[in-house]
Amino acid sequence: MAANKKTVYRETPVSLNARTMFFFLFVFGALTFFSLAHIYLQFKIRDLKIETVMLQDQGIKLADIEKNLIGEIARLNQGDRLHEFACTELGLRDVAADEIEKLIIPQRTIAKYTTGGRKTGYEETNWIEARYPRGFKEEVGSFIKINHELSAREQSLDLIIKELTSKKENDAKKKNSDSSDKKNKR
């Protein structure tokens, strides 16, 4: 009886077929990708934190520079302080608008130097005199007037400088005599 029965053998299924293998490769690839992305992002976050600290320090320095510049601008805008210093220390005085002296350069001189200072002949001289008919005497007179005004201004400035230096020397002598008197009293 036993010999009559045919034995049927079943094929056992393979546990690792192509479909299962691709599924696990996909899952492993996705996990690897996300793990590497996580590590990369952690390094990027660390770098950004370091850069943030450096930029915050730089921002603080720039804010300090801005405050210093605003303070300097405010100090320079105080014209009264500069005016007071100019009047007391330098001996300058206020001048009315109608007292301001203007230097006038004759047109003939301007024309002479616009050509480069070269003397090219009779034609150019005639052209200059035709264009500027005031004459040579008036132009020389204006130069003499300018020279007198400049020398008067220099003389007045020299007197003011001498007065200021003598004041400083007198103040220094007074301080030295006061300090020597105090030493003698002790």
C-alpha atoms as a PDB file:
ATOM      1  CA  MET A   1       0.000   0.000   0.000  1.00  0.00           C
ATOM      2  CA  ALA A   2       2.576   2.269   0.706  1.00  0.00           C
ATOM      3  CA  ALA A   3       4.281   1.497  -2.495  1.00  0.00           C
ATOM      4  CA  ASN A   4       1.273   2.455  -4.526  1.00  0.00           C
ATOM      5  CA  LYS A   5       1.032   5.900  -3.153  1.00  0.00           C
ATOM      6  CA  LYS A   6       2.915   8.434  -4.987  1.00  0.00           C
ATOM      7  CA  THR A   7       4.759  10.837  -2.922  1.00  0.00           C
ATOM      8  CA  VAL A   8       4.120  14.390  -3.890  1.00  0.00           C
ATOM      9  CA  TYR A   9       6.835  16.777  -3.129  1.00  0.00           C
ATOM     10  CA  ARG A  10       6.026  20.411  -2.849  1.00  0.00           C
ATOM     11  CA  GLU A  11       8.420  23.059  -3.707  1.00  0.00           C
ATOM     12  CA  THR A  12       9.174  25.201  -0.774  1.00  0.00           C
ATOM     13  CA  PRO A  13       8.856  28.887  -1.612  1.00  0.00           C
ATOM     14  CA  VAL A  14      12.045  30.924  -1.622  1.00  0.00           C
ATOM     15  CA  SER A  15      12.030  33.401   1.233  1.00  0.00           C
ATOM     16  CA  LEU A  16      14.210  35.919  -0.631  1.00  0.00           C
ATOM     17  CA  ASN A  17      12.648  36.602  -3.972  1.00  0.00           C
ATOM     18  CA  ALA A  18      13.238  39.693  -6.176  1.00  0.00           C
ATOM     19  CA  ARG A  19      10.201  41.555  -4.916  1.00  0.00           C
ATOM     20  CA  THR A  20      11.244  41.257  -1.278  1.00  0.00           C
ATOM     21  CA  MET A  21      14.829  42.107  -2.122  1.00  0.00           C
ATOM     22  CA  PHE A  22      13.812  45.363  -3.931  1.00  0.00           C
ATOM     23  CA  PHE A  23      11.498  46.327  -1.048  1.00  0.00           C
ATOM     24  CA  PHE A  24      14.274  46.013   1.525  1.00  0.00           C
ATOM     25  CA  LEU A  25      16.781  47.805  -0.747  1.00  0.00           C
ATOM     26  CA  PHE A  26      14.301  50.698  -1.105  1.00  0.00           C
ATOM     27  CA  VAL A  27      13.694  50.885   2.651  1.00  0.00           C
ATOM     28  CA  PHE A  28      17.457  50.700   3.346  1.00  0.00           C
ATOM     29  CA  GLY A  29      18.168  53.421   0.706  1.00  0.00           C
ATOM     30  CA  ALA A  30      15.470  55.703   2.147  1.00  0.00           C
ATOM     31  CA  LEU A  31      16.786  55.244   5.708  1.00  0.00           C
ATOM     32  CA  THR A  32      20.340  55.914   4.529  1.00  0.00           C
ATOM     33  CA  PHE A  33      19.260  59.058   2.637  1.00  0.00           C
ATOM     34  CA  PHE A  34      17.345  60.448   5.623  1.00  0.00           C
ATOM     35  CA  SER A  35      20.184  59.595   8.018  1.00  0.00           C
ATOM     36  CA  LEU A  36      22.754  61.379   5.833  1.00  0.00           C
ATOM     37  CA  ALA A  37      20.397  64.353   5.392  1.00  0.00           C
ATOM     38  CA  HIS A  38      19.954  64.538   9.179  1.00  0.00           C
ATOM     39  CA  ILE A  39      23.725  64.533   9.763  1.00  0.00           C
ATOM     40  CA  TYR A  40      24.268  67.149   7.026  1.00  0.00           C
ATOM     41  CA  LEU A  41      21.573  69.395   8.506  1.00  0.00           C
ATOM     42  CA  GLN A  42      23.072  69.080  11.997  1.00  0.00           C
ATOM     43  CA  PHE A  43      26.437  70.318  10.679  1.00  0.00           C
ATOM     44  CA  LYS A  44      24.702  73.094   8.738  1.00  0.00           C
ATOM     45  CA  ILE A  45      22.796  74.207  11.863  1.00  0.00           C
ATOM     46  CA  ARG A  46      26.064  74.262  13.844  1.00  0.00           C
ATOM     47  CA  ASP A  47      27.759  76.365  11.160  1.00  0.00           C
ATOM     48  CA  LEU A  48      24.810  78.778  11.049  1.00  0.00           C
ATOM     49  CA  LYS A  49      24.890  79.187  14.843  1.00  0.00           C
ATOM     50  CA  ILE A  50      28.612  80.041  14.695  1.00  0.00           C
ATOM     51  CA  GLU A  51      27.999  82.482  11.854  1.00  0.00           C
ATOM     52  CA  THR A  52      25.077  84.025  13.753  1.00  0.00           C
ATOM     53  CA  VAL A  53      27.293  84.735  16.750  1.00  0.00           C
ATOM     54  CA  MET A  54      29.959  86.317  14.521  1.00  0.00           C
ATOM     55  CA  LEU A  55      27.368  88.461  12.728  1.00  0.00           C
ATOM     56  CA  GLN A  56      25.826  89.541  16.038  1.00  0.00           C
ATOM     57  CA  ASP A  57      29.269  90.660  17.265  1.00  0.00           C
ATOM     58  CA  GLN A  58      29.814  92.527  14.018  1.00  0.00           C
ATOM     59  CA  GLY A  59      26.357  94.126  14.350  1.00  0.00           C
ATOM     60  CA  ILE A  60      27.198  95.315  17.864  1.00  0.00           C
ATOM     61  CA  LYS A  61      30.489  96.807  16.610  1.00  0.00           C
ATOM     62  CA  LEU A  62      28.696  98.558  13.741  1.00  0.00           C
ATOM     63  CA  ALA A  63      26.069  99.926  16.135  1.00  0.00           C
ATOM     64  CA  ASP A  64      28.864 101.344  18.324  1.00  0.00           C
ATOM     65  CA  ILE A  65      30.517 102.911  15.286  1.00  0.00           C
ATOM     66  CA  GLU A  66      27.178 104.402  14.255  1.00  0.00           C
ATOM     67  CA  LYS A  67      26.670 105.891  17.735  1.00  0.00           C
ATOM     68  CA  ASN A  68      30.179 107.381  17.656  1.00  0.00           C
ATOM     69  CA  LEU A  69      29.590 108.887  14.220  1.00  0.00           C
ATOM     70  CA  ILE A  70      26.244 110.356  15.281  1.00  0.00           C
ATOM     71  CA  GLY A  71      27.953 111.877  18.321  1.00  0.00           C
ATOM     72  CA  GLU A  72      30.717 113.354  16.176  1.00  0.00           C
ATOM     73  CA  ILE A  73      28.170 114.802  13.756  1.00  0.00           C
ATOM     74  CA  ALA A  74      26.236 116.370  16.626  1.00  0.00           C
ATOM     75  CA  ARG A  75      29.463 117.792  18.074  1.00  0.00           C
ATOM     76  CA  LEU A  76      30.502 119.223  14.710  1.00  0.00           C
ATOM     77  CA  ASN A  77      27.067 120.752  14.158  1.00  0.00           C
ATOM     78  CA  GLN A  78      27.555 122.919  17.228  1.00  0.00           C
ATOM     79  CA  GLY A  79      28.873 125.964  15.400  1.00  0.00           C
ATOM     80  CA  ASP A  80      28.759 128.121  18.514  1.00  0.00           C
ATOM     81  CA  ARG A  81      31.654 126.238  20.070  1.00  0.00           C
ATOM     82  CA  LEU A  82      33.819 126.747  16.977  1.00  0.00           C
ATOM     83  CA  HIS A  83      32.815 130.397  16.689  1.00  0.00           C
ATOM     84  CA  GLU A  84      33.611 131.011  20.350  1.00  0.00           C
ATOM     85  CA  PHE A  85      37.011 129.338  19.991  1.00  0.00           C
ATOM     86  CA  ALA A  86      37.800 131.399  16.882  1.00  0.00           C
ATOM     87  CA  CYS A  87      36.872 134.650  18.617  1.00  0.00           C
ATOM     88  CA  THR A  88      38.619 134.034  21.954  1.00  0.00           C
ATOM     89  CA  GLU A  89      41.733 132.082  20.998  1.00  0.00           C
ATOM     90  CA  LEU A  90      42.424 133.298  17.471  1.00  0.00           C
ATOM     91  CA  GLY A  91      41.162 136.841  17.865  1.00  0.00           C
ATOM     92  CA  LEU A  92      38.892 136.695  14.855  1.00  0.00           C
ATOM     93  CA  ARG A  93      35.944 139.041  14.536  1.00  0.00           C
ATOM     94  CA  ASP A  94      32.636 138.862  12.717  1.00  0.00           C
ATOM     95  CA  VAL A  95      32.504 140.611   9.376  1.00  0.00           C
ATOM     96  CA  ALA A  96      29.394 142.035   7.793  1.00  0.00           C
ATOM     97  CA  ALA A  97      28.497 140.867   4.309  1.00  0.00           C
ATOM     98  CA  ASP A  98      29.156 144.272   2.784  1.00  0.00           C
ATOM     99  CA  GLU A  99      32.670 144.371   4.310  1.00  0.00           C
ATOM    100  CA  ILE A 100      33.851 141.231   2.536  1.00  0.00           C
ATOM    101  CA  GLU A 101      36.591 142.043   0.068  1.00  0.00           C
ATOM    102  CA  LYS A 102      36.583 140.474  -3.362  1.00  0.00           C
ATOM    103  CA  LEU A 103      39.596 139.994  -5.569  1.00  0.00           C
ATOM    104  CA  ILE A 104      39.034 140.984  -9.186  1.00  0.00           C
ATOM    105  CA  ILE A 105      41.252 139.568 -11.894  1.00  0.00           C
ATOM    106  CA  PRO A 106      41.315 141.657 -15.059  1.00  0.00           C
ATOM    107  CA  GLN A 107      39.816 140.027 -18.143  1.00  0.00           C
ATOM    108  CA  ARG A 108      42.973 140.740 -20.112  1.00  0.00           C
ATOM    109  CA  THR A 109      45.004 138.625 -17.665  1.00  0.00           C
ATOM    110  CA  ILE A 110      42.469 135.827 -17.885  1.00  0.00           C
ATOM    111  CA  ALA A 111      42.641 135.919 -21.673  1.00  0.00           C
ATOM    112  CA  LYS A 112      46.431 135.937 -21.547  1.00  0.00           C
ATOM    113  CA  TYR A 113      46.632 132.774 -19.478  1.00  0.00           C
ATOM    114  CA  THR A 114      43.853 130.898 -21.255  1.00  0.00           C
ATOM    115  CA  THR A 115      46.138 130.738 -24.292  1.00  0.00           C
ATOM    116  CA  GLY A 116      48.779 129.008 -22.208  1.00  0.00           C
ATOM    117  CA  GLY A 117      50.867 132.137 -21.533  1.00  0.00           C
ATOM    118  CA  ARG A 118      52.343 132.169 -25.024  1.00  0.00           C
ATOM    119  CA  LYS A 119      52.882 135.398 -26.895  1.00  0.00           C
ATOM    120  CA  THR A 120      51.738 134.619 -30.396  1.00  0.00           C
ATOM    121  CA  GLY A 121      51.932 138.026 -31.971  1.00  0.00           C
ATOM    122  CA  TYR A 122      50.143 141.200 -32.860  1.00  0.00           C
ATOM    123  CA  GLU A 123      46.820 139.600 -33.842  1.00  0.00           C
ATOM    124  CA  GLU A 124      46.205 138.107 -30.403  1.00  0.00           C
ATOM    125  CA  THR A 125      47.020 141.382 -28.620  1.00  0.00           C
ATOM    126  CA  ASN A 126      44.598 143.267 -30.852  1.00  0.00           C
ATOM    127  CA  TRP A 127      41.922 140.651 -30.179  1.00  0.00           C
ATOM    128  CA  ILE A 128      42.405 140.955 -26.406  1.00  0.00           C
ATOM    129  CA  GLU A 129      42.250 144.735 -26.471  1.00  0.00           C
ATOM    130  CA  ALA A 130      39.183 144.656 -28.706  1.00  0.00           C
ATOM    131  CA  ARG A 131      37.439 142.272 -26.336  1.00  0.00           C
ATOM    132  CA  TYR A 132      38.599 143.997 -23.121  1.00  0.00           C
ATOM    133  CA  PRO A 133      38.749 147.726 -23.888  1.00  0.00           C
ATOM    134  CA  ARG A 134      39.259 148.906 -20.278  1.00  0.00           C
ATOM    135  CA  GLY A 135      42.914 149.562 -20.818  1.00  0.00           C
ATOM    136  CA  PHE A 136      46.187 148.734 -19.186  1.00  0.00           C
ATOM    137  CA  LYS A 137      46.156 151.536 -16.584  1.00  0.00           C
ATOM    138  CA  GLU A 138      42.919 150.372 -14.964  1.00  0.00           C
ATOM    139  CA  GLU A 139      44.093 146.766 -14.784  1.00  0.00           C
ATOM    140  CA  VAL A 140      47.389 147.690 -13.149  1.00  0.00           C
ATOM    141  CA  GLY A 141      45.470 149.950 -10.748  1.00  0.00           C
ATOM    142  CA  SER A 142      43.299 147.010  -9.695  1.00  0.00           C
ATOM    143  CA  PHE A 143      46.430 144.910  -9.035  1.00  0.00           C
ATOM    144  CA  ILE A 144      47.895 147.706  -6.894  1.00  0.00           C
ATOM    145  CA  LYS A 145      44.628 148.023  -4.981  1.00  0.00           C
ATOM    146  CA  ILE A 146      44.536 144.275  -4.332  1.00  0.00           C
ATOM    147  CA  ASN A 147      48.166 144.352  -3.188  1.00  0.00           C
ATOM    148  CA  HIS A 148      47.457 147.197  -0.724  1.00  0.00           C
ATOM    149  CA  GLU A 149      44.436 145.359   0.682  1.00  0.00           C
ATOM    150  CA  LEU A 150      46.390 142.133   1.110  1.00  0.00           C
ATOM    151  CA  SER A 151      49.317 143.850   2.825  1.00  0.00           C
ATOM    152  CA  ALA A 152      46.940 145.697   5.188  1.00  0.00           C
ATOM    153  CA  ARG A 153      45.262 142.406   6.045  1.00  0.00           C
ATOM    154  CA  GLU A 154      48.636 140.739   6.683  1.00  0.00           C
ATOM    155  CA  GLN A 155      49.725 143.579   8.953  1.00  0.00           C
ATOM    156  CA  SER A 156      46.519 143.378  10.995  1.00  0.00           C
ATOM    157  CA  LEU A 157      46.909 139.597  11.327  1.00  0.00           C
ATOM    158  CA  ASP A 158      50.524 140.029  12.428  1.00  0.00           C
ATOM    159  CA  LEU A 159      49.441 142.490  15.137  1.00  0.00           C
ATOM    160  CA  ILE A 160      46.767 140.096  16.382  1.00  0.00           C
ATOM    161  CA  ILE A 161      49.234 137.194  16.474  1.00  0.00           C
ATOM    162  CA  LYS A 162      51.752 139.314  18.417  1.00  0.00           C
ATOM    163  CA  GLU A 163      49.054 140.302  20.921  1.00  0.00           C
ATOM    164  CA  LEU A 164      47.998 136.682  21.429  1.00  0.00           C
ATOM    165  CA  THR A 165      51.555 135.455  21.910  1.00  0.00           C
ATOM    166  CA  SER A 166      52.282 138.250  24.373  1.00  0.00           C
ATOM    167  CA  LYS A 167      49.102 137.343  26.317  1.00  0.00           C
ATOM    168  CA  LYS A 168      50.193 133.718  26.512  1.00  0.00           C
ATOM    169  CA  GLU A 169      53.682 134.705  27.655  1.00  0.00           C
ATOM    170  CA  ASN A 170      52.242 137.029  30.322  1.00  0.00           C
ATOM    171  CA  ASP A 171      49.916 134.273  31.535  1.00  0.00           C
ATOM    172  CA  ALA A 172      52.826 131.837  31.725  1.00  0.00           C
ATOM    173  CA  LYS A 173      54.927 134.360  33.674  1.00  0.00           C
ATOM    174  CA  LYS A 174      52.047 134.965  36.095  1.00  0.00           C
ATOM    175  CA  LYS A 175      51.640 131.234  36.678  1.00  0.00           C
ATOM    176  CA  ASN A 176      55.371 130.823  37.286  1.00  0.00           C
ATOM    177  CA  SER A 177      55.474 133.771  39.701  1.00  0.00           C
ATOM    178  CA  ASP A 178      52.381 132.513  41.545  1.00  0.00           C
ATOM    179  CA  SER A 179      53.874 129.042  41.923  1.00  0.00           C
ATOM    180  CA  SER A 180      57.197 130.485  43.150  1.00  0.00           C
ATOM    181  CA  ASP A 181      55.342 132.687  45.687  1.00  0.00           C
ATOM    182  CA  LYS A 182      53.512 129.633  47.008  1.00  0.00           C
ATOM    183  CA  LYS A 183      56.808 127.754  47.375  1.00  0.00           C
ATOM    184  CA  ASN A 184      58.362 130.687  49.248  1.00  0.00           C
ATOM    185  CA  LYS A 185      55.424 130.850  51.662  1.00  0.00           C
ATOM    186  CA  ARG A 186      55.870 127.200  52.583  1.00  0.00           C
END
